[in-house]
Amino acid sequence: MKLRAALLLVLATIGLVVVVSPAQPAWACSCANSPGDEQDRHAQRIVLGTVTQVTDESIRLVVDSVEKGDVAIGQTLGLRVSRSEASCGYEFRRGDRYRVNVYNGATGLCTGVVPAPPAVSAPPASDPAVVSPPVVAEPAPAGTSRSWWPAVGAVLVALAAGVGLAVLRRRRGAAR
């Protein structure tokens, strides 16, 4: 009977570890959480631009600045894209600005897309004293650390194993 209680305690502890441990985000698109620097390295072009047209299969983007590639500022790019993020696409909105990585004429989550702040208009030429502040992207909030749960799980498993061993020793001692 005590052996059953010990096994039940061990199973309950393992179940608790499974329940307490945080789940990782589930992405239908397997590349959605790939690092941005890797996406930048593989991109043929990296541009910042404003979307002028959105269809189910493509977008048109007017280039505001170029980080990589052979594109001219003011040029309009037509890019293939899926609108469904489940199929690694992206939900672009007409009139919004994005930093877009382009690979083989296409873009999406796997290639790299980041919303950009609206363009800052230049001050009127008649007032040279007005200076616009530089546009600086806000840093992404740091992810919360989840390194605590393996330690808690290890402590719970060790505790359950210790209780199980103590019950077994008592049982063996009583049998002699």
C-alpha atoms as a PDB file:
ATOM      1  CA  MET A   1       0.000   0.000   0.000  1.00  0.00           C
ATOM      2  CA  LYS A   2       2.844   2.384   0.854  1.00  0.00           C
ATOM      3  CA  LEU A   3       4.494   1.608  -2.477  1.00  0.00           C
ATOM      4  CA  ARG A   4       1.330   2.686  -4.270  1.00  0.00           C
ATOM      5  CA  ALA A   5       1.251   5.907  -2.262  1.00  0.00           C
ATOM      6  CA  ALA A   6       4.901   6.599  -3.168  1.00  0.00           C
ATOM      7  CA  LEU A   7       4.257   5.934  -6.867  1.00  0.00           C
ATOM      8  CA  LEU A   8       1.181   8.138  -6.759  1.00  0.00           C
ATOM      9  CA  LEU A   9       3.242  10.918  -5.158  1.00  0.00           C
ATOM     10  CA  VAL A  10       5.946  10.591  -7.837  1.00  0.00           C
ATOM     11  CA  LEU A  11       3.362  10.685 -10.644  1.00  0.00           C
ATOM     12  CA  ALA A  12       1.603  13.668  -9.053  1.00  0.00           C
ATOM     13  CA  THR A  13       4.918  15.514  -8.794  1.00  0.00           C
ATOM     14  CA  ILE A  14       5.772  14.840 -12.440  1.00  0.00           C
ATOM     15  CA  GLY A  15       2.279  15.979 -13.432  1.00  0.00           C
ATOM     16  CA  LEU A  16       2.752  19.157 -11.410  1.00  0.00           C
ATOM     17  CA  VAL A  17       6.027  19.858 -13.216  1.00  0.00           C
ATOM     18  CA  VAL A  18       4.285  19.447 -16.566  1.00  0.00           C
ATOM     19  CA  VAL A  19       1.428  21.743 -15.542  1.00  0.00           C
ATOM     20  CA  VAL A  20       3.692  24.404 -13.990  1.00  0.00           C
ATOM     21  CA  SER A  21       6.198  24.528 -16.851  1.00  0.00           C
ATOM     22  CA  PRO A  22       5.396  27.328 -19.305  1.00  0.00           C
ATOM     23  CA  ALA A  23       4.298  26.419 -22.799  1.00  0.00           C
ATOM     24  CA  GLN A  24       6.274  27.749 -25.729  1.00  0.00           C
ATOM     25  CA  PRO A  25       4.327  29.792 -28.291  1.00  0.00           C
ATOM     26  CA  ALA A  26       2.832  27.698 -31.072  1.00  0.00           C
ATOM     27  CA  TRP A  27       3.381  29.024 -34.574  1.00  0.00           C
ATOM     28  CA  ALA A  28       1.735  27.607 -37.660  1.00  0.00           C
ATOM     29  CA  CYS A  29       4.670  29.070 -39.555  1.00  0.00           C
ATOM     30  CA  SER A  30       7.824  27.245 -38.466  1.00  0.00           C
ATOM     31  CA  CYS A  31      10.154  30.153 -39.244  1.00  0.00           C
ATOM     32  CA  ALA A  32       8.171  32.848 -37.437  1.00  0.00           C
ATOM     33  CA  ASN A  33      10.579  33.055 -34.550  1.00  0.00           C
ATOM     34  CA  SER A  34      13.816  32.942 -36.538  1.00  0.00           C
ATOM     35  CA  PRO A  35      16.344  35.628 -35.553  1.00  0.00           C
ATOM     36  CA  GLY A  36      16.218  38.940 -37.413  1.00  0.00           C
ATOM     37  CA  ASP A  37      19.958  39.021 -38.111  1.00  0.00           C
ATOM     38  CA  GLU A  38      19.670  35.678 -39.900  1.00  0.00           C
ATOM     39  CA  GLN A  39      16.773  37.025 -41.978  1.00  0.00           C
ATOM     40  CA  ASP A  40      18.791  40.154 -42.798  1.00  0.00           C
ATOM     41  CA  ARG A  41      21.794  38.089 -43.896  1.00  0.00           C
ATOM     42  CA  HIS A  42      19.701  36.005 -46.331  1.00  0.00           C
ATOM     43  CA  ALA A  43      17.735  38.957 -47.756  1.00  0.00           C
ATOM     44  CA  GLN A  44      18.636  40.170 -51.242  1.00  0.00           C
ATOM     45  CA  ARG A  45      17.146  43.597 -50.469  1.00  0.00           C
ATOM     46  CA  ILE A  46      16.198  45.388 -47.263  1.00  0.00           C
ATOM     47  CA  VAL A  47      14.071  48.507 -47.680  1.00  0.00           C
ATOM     48  CA  LEU A  48      11.944  50.834 -45.608  1.00  0.00           C
ATOM     49  CA  GLY A  49       8.837  51.899 -47.443  1.00  0.00           C
ATOM     50  CA  THR A  50       5.159  52.776 -47.502  1.00  0.00           C
ATOM     51  CA  VAL A  51       2.595  50.286 -48.798  1.00  0.00           C
ATOM     52  CA  THR A  52       0.436  51.766 -51.577  1.00  0.00           C
ATOM     53  CA  GLN A  53      -1.515  48.687 -52.687  1.00  0.00           C
ATOM     54  CA  VAL A  54      -2.476  45.385 -51.037  1.00  0.00           C
ATOM     55  CA  THR A  55      -4.013  42.342 -52.746  1.00  0.00           C
ATOM     56  CA  ASP A  56      -4.384  38.740 -51.588  1.00  0.00           C
ATOM     57  CA  GLU A  57      -1.126  37.769 -53.307  1.00  0.00           C
ATOM     58  CA  SER A  58       1.016  40.910 -53.487  1.00  0.00           C
ATOM     59  CA  ILE A  59       1.786  44.403 -52.259  1.00  0.00           C
ATOM     60  CA  ARG A  60       3.191  47.551 -53.830  1.00  0.00           C
ATOM     61  CA  LEU A  61       5.657  49.480 -51.719  1.00  0.00           C
ATOM     62  CA  VAL A  62       7.237  52.902 -52.373  1.00  0.00           C
ATOM     63  CA  VAL A  63      10.842  52.824 -51.137  1.00  0.00           C
ATOM     64  CA  ASP A  64      11.741  55.508 -48.554  1.00  0.00           C
ATOM     65  CA  SER A  65      15.232  54.231 -47.740  1.00  0.00           C
ATOM     66  CA  VAL A  66      17.501  51.335 -48.672  1.00  0.00           C
ATOM     67  CA  GLU A  67      19.569  49.271 -46.250  1.00  0.00           C
ATOM     68  CA  LYS A  68      20.640  46.549 -48.670  1.00  0.00           C
ATOM     69  CA  GLY A  69      20.316  45.932 -52.389  1.00  0.00           C
ATOM     70  CA  ASP A  70      20.033  47.757 -55.670  1.00  0.00           C
ATOM     71  CA  VAL A  71      16.813  49.724 -55.212  1.00  0.00           C
ATOM     72  CA  ALA A  72      16.370  53.461 -55.736  1.00  0.00           C
ATOM     73  CA  ILE A  73      14.572  55.681 -53.229  1.00  0.00           C
ATOM     74  CA  GLY A  74      11.134  56.517 -54.624  1.00  0.00           C
ATOM     75  CA  GLN A  75      11.005  53.309 -56.675  1.00  0.00           C
ATOM     76  CA  THR A  76       7.856  51.182 -56.362  1.00  0.00           C
ATOM     77  CA  LEU A  77       8.400  47.514 -55.647  1.00  0.00           C
ATOM     78  CA  GLY A  78       5.815  44.844 -56.368  1.00  0.00           C
ATOM     79  CA  LEU A  79       6.303  41.966 -53.928  1.00  0.00           C
ATOM     80  CA  ARG A  80       4.606  38.580 -53.674  1.00  0.00           C
ATOM     81  CA  VAL A  81       3.181  37.892 -50.227  1.00  0.00           C
ATOM     82  CA  SER A  82       0.517  35.779 -48.601  1.00  0.00           C
ATOM     83  CA  ARG A  83      -1.888  37.653 -46.344  1.00  0.00           C
ATOM     84  CA  SER A  84      -2.200  34.710 -43.976  1.00  0.00           C
ATOM     85  CA  GLU A  85       0.346  34.566 -41.166  1.00  0.00           C
ATOM     86  CA  ALA A  86      -0.464  30.854 -40.826  1.00  0.00           C
ATOM     87  CA  SER A  87       1.223  30.359 -44.198  1.00  0.00           C
ATOM     88  CA  CYS A  88       4.150  32.639 -43.271  1.00  0.00           C
ATOM     89  CA  GLY A  89       2.597  35.694 -44.916  1.00  0.00           C
ATOM     90  CA  TYR A  90       1.961  39.087 -43.347  1.00  0.00           C
ATOM     91  CA  GLU A  91      -1.116  41.298 -42.965  1.00  0.00           C
ATOM     92  CA  PHE A  92       0.092  44.520 -44.638  1.00  0.00           C
ATOM     93  CA  ARG A  93      -2.034  47.673 -44.424  1.00  0.00           C
ATOM     94  CA  ARG A  94      -2.169  50.272 -47.145  1.00  0.00           C
ATOM     95  CA  GLY A  95      -0.570  53.554 -46.053  1.00  0.00           C
ATOM     96  CA  ASP A  96       1.559  51.979 -43.294  1.00  0.00           C
ATOM     97  CA  ARG A  97       5.364  51.872 -43.349  1.00  0.00           C
ATOM     98  CA  TYR A  98       7.408  48.704 -42.966  1.00  0.00           C
ATOM     99  CA  ARG A  99      11.002  47.546 -42.931  1.00  0.00           C
ATOM    100  CA  VAL A 100      10.856  44.708 -45.446  1.00  0.00           C
ATOM    101  CA  ASN A 101      13.369  42.033 -46.350  1.00  0.00           C
ATOM    102  CA  VAL A 102      12.995  40.814 -49.929  1.00  0.00           C
ATOM    103  CA  TYR A 103      14.083  37.431 -51.257  1.00  0.00           C
ATOM    104  CA  ASN A 104      13.293  36.370 -54.848  1.00  0.00           C
ATOM    105  CA  GLY A 105      10.646  39.083 -55.201  1.00  0.00           C
ATOM    106  CA  ALA A 106       8.717  37.989 -52.113  1.00  0.00           C
ATOM    107  CA  THR A 107       8.427  38.915 -48.455  1.00  0.00           C
ATOM    108  CA  GLY A 108       6.692  37.595 -45.352  1.00  0.00           C
ATOM    109  CA  LEU A 109       7.363  36.339 -41.835  1.00  0.00           C
ATOM    110  CA  CYS A 110      10.191  34.032 -42.933  1.00  0.00           C
ATOM    111  CA  THR A 111      11.908  36.725 -44.964  1.00  0.00           C
ATOM    112  CA  GLY A 112      11.469  39.493 -42.393  1.00  0.00           C
ATOM    113  CA  VAL A 113       8.876  42.252 -41.945  1.00  0.00           C
ATOM    114  CA  VAL A 114       8.828  44.860 -39.186  1.00  0.00           C
ATOM    115  CA  PRO A 115       6.315  47.719 -38.860  1.00  0.00           C
ATOM    116  CA  ALA A 116       8.073  51.098 -39.011  1.00  0.00           C
ATOM    117  CA  PRO A 117       7.079  54.460 -37.522  1.00  0.00           C
ATOM    118  CA  PRO A 118       5.379  56.987 -39.821  1.00  0.00           C
ATOM    119  CA  ALA A 119       7.656  59.194 -41.891  1.00  0.00           C
ATOM    120  CA  VAL A 120       8.686  62.467 -40.265  1.00  0.00           C
ATOM    121  CA  SER A 121       7.932  65.369 -42.561  1.00  0.00           C
ATOM    122  CA  ALA A 122      10.638  67.973 -43.060  1.00  0.00           C
ATOM    123  CA  PRO A 123      10.143  71.422 -41.462  1.00  0.00           C
ATOM    124  CA  PRO A 124       8.989  74.223 -43.766  1.00  0.00           C
ATOM    125  CA  ALA A 125      11.846  75.812 -45.706  1.00  0.00           C
ATOM    126  CA  SER A 126      10.861  79.268 -44.424  1.00  0.00           C
ATOM    127  CA  ASP A 127      11.729  78.390 -40.803  1.00  0.00           C
ATOM    128  CA  PRO A 128      15.320  77.075 -40.565  1.00  0.00           C
ATOM    129  CA  ALA A 129      15.221  77.120 -36.735  1.00  0.00           C
ATOM    130  CA  VAL A 130      12.769  74.213 -36.601  1.00  0.00           C
ATOM    131  CA  VAL A 131      14.669  70.945 -36.485  1.00  0.00           C
ATOM    132  CA  SER A 132      12.964  67.581 -36.460  1.00  0.00           C
ATOM    133  CA  PRO A 133      14.315  65.054 -33.967  1.00  0.00           C
ATOM    134  CA  PRO A 134      15.829  61.951 -35.525  1.00  0.00           C
ATOM    135  CA  VAL A 135      13.529  58.966 -35.803  1.00  0.00           C
ATOM    136  CA  VAL A 136      14.764  56.209 -33.548  1.00  0.00           C
ATOM    137  CA  ALA A 137      13.020  52.871 -33.323  1.00  0.00           C
ATOM    138  CA  GLU A 138      11.994  51.838 -29.836  1.00  0.00           C
ATOM    139  CA  PRO A 139      13.875  48.767 -28.619  1.00  0.00           C
ATOM    140  CA  ALA A 140      11.768  45.653 -28.331  1.00  0.00           C
ATOM    141  CA  PRO A 141      10.800  44.788 -24.778  1.00  0.00           C
ATOM    142  CA  ALA A 142      13.007  42.104 -23.341  1.00  0.00           C
ATOM    143  CA  GLY A 143      11.313  38.739 -23.024  1.00  0.00           C
ATOM    144  CA  THR A 144      10.665  37.525 -19.556  1.00  0.00           C
ATOM    145  CA  SER A 145      13.083  34.900 -18.402  1.00  0.00           C
ATOM    146  CA  ARG A 146      11.625  31.436 -18.046  1.00  0.00           C
ATOM    147  CA  SER A 147      14.755  29.797 -16.735  1.00  0.00           C
ATOM    148  CA  TRP A 148      13.191  29.267 -13.290  1.00  0.00           C
ATOM    149  CA  TRP A 149      10.878  26.395 -14.182  1.00  0.00           C
ATOM    150  CA  PRO A 150      13.539  23.713 -14.849  1.00  0.00           C
ATOM    151  CA  ALA A 151      15.014  24.386 -11.394  1.00  0.00           C
ATOM    152  CA  VAL A 152      11.595  24.150  -9.735  1.00  0.00           C
ATOM    153  CA  GLY A 153      10.875  20.952 -11.674  1.00  0.00           C
ATOM    154  CA  ALA A 154      14.199  19.426 -10.644  1.00  0.00           C
ATOM    155  CA  VAL A 155      13.536  20.231  -6.966  1.00  0.00           C
ATOM    156  CA  LEU A 156      10.057  18.701  -7.134  1.00  0.00           C
ATOM    157  CA  VAL A 157      11.323  15.546  -8.849  1.00  0.00           C
ATOM    158  CA  ALA A 158      14.171  15.199  -6.316  1.00  0.00           C
ATOM    159  CA  LEU A 159      11.710  15.649  -3.464  1.00  0.00           C
ATOM    160  CA  ALA A 160       9.378  13.011  -4.871  1.00  0.00           C
ATOM    161  CA  ALA A 161      12.284  10.607  -5.428  1.00  0.00           C
ATOM    162  CA  GLY A 162      13.462  11.136  -1.854  1.00  0.00           C
ATOM    163  CA  VAL A 163      10.012  10.422  -0.458  1.00  0.00           C
ATOM    164  CA  GLY A 164       9.751   7.346  -2.675  1.00  0.00           C
ATOM    165  CA  LEU A 165      13.136   6.055  -1.483  1.00  0.00           C
ATOM    166  CA  ALA A 166      12.213   6.670   2.168  1.00  0.00           C
ATOM    167  CA  VAL A 167       8.992   4.678   1.757  1.00  0.00           C
ATOM    168  CA  LEU A 168      10.876   1.836   0.063  1.00  0.00           C
ATOM    169  CA  ARG A 169      13.520   1.719   2.821  1.00  0.00           C
ATOM    170  CA  ARG A 170      10.838   1.614   5.508  1.00  0.00           C
ATOM    171  CA  ARG A 171       9.075  -1.165   3.688  1.00  0.00           C
ATOM    172  CA  ARG A 172      12.281  -3.197   3.294  1.00  0.00           C
ATOM    173  CA  GLY A 173      13.152  -2.618   6.964  1.00  0.00           C
ATOM    174  CA  ALA A 174       9.686  -3.757   8.080  1.00  0.00           C
ATOM    175  CA  ALA A 175       9.918  -6.897   5.902  1.00  0.00           C
ATOM    176  CA  ARG A 176      13.132  -8.086   7.623  1.00  0.00           C
END
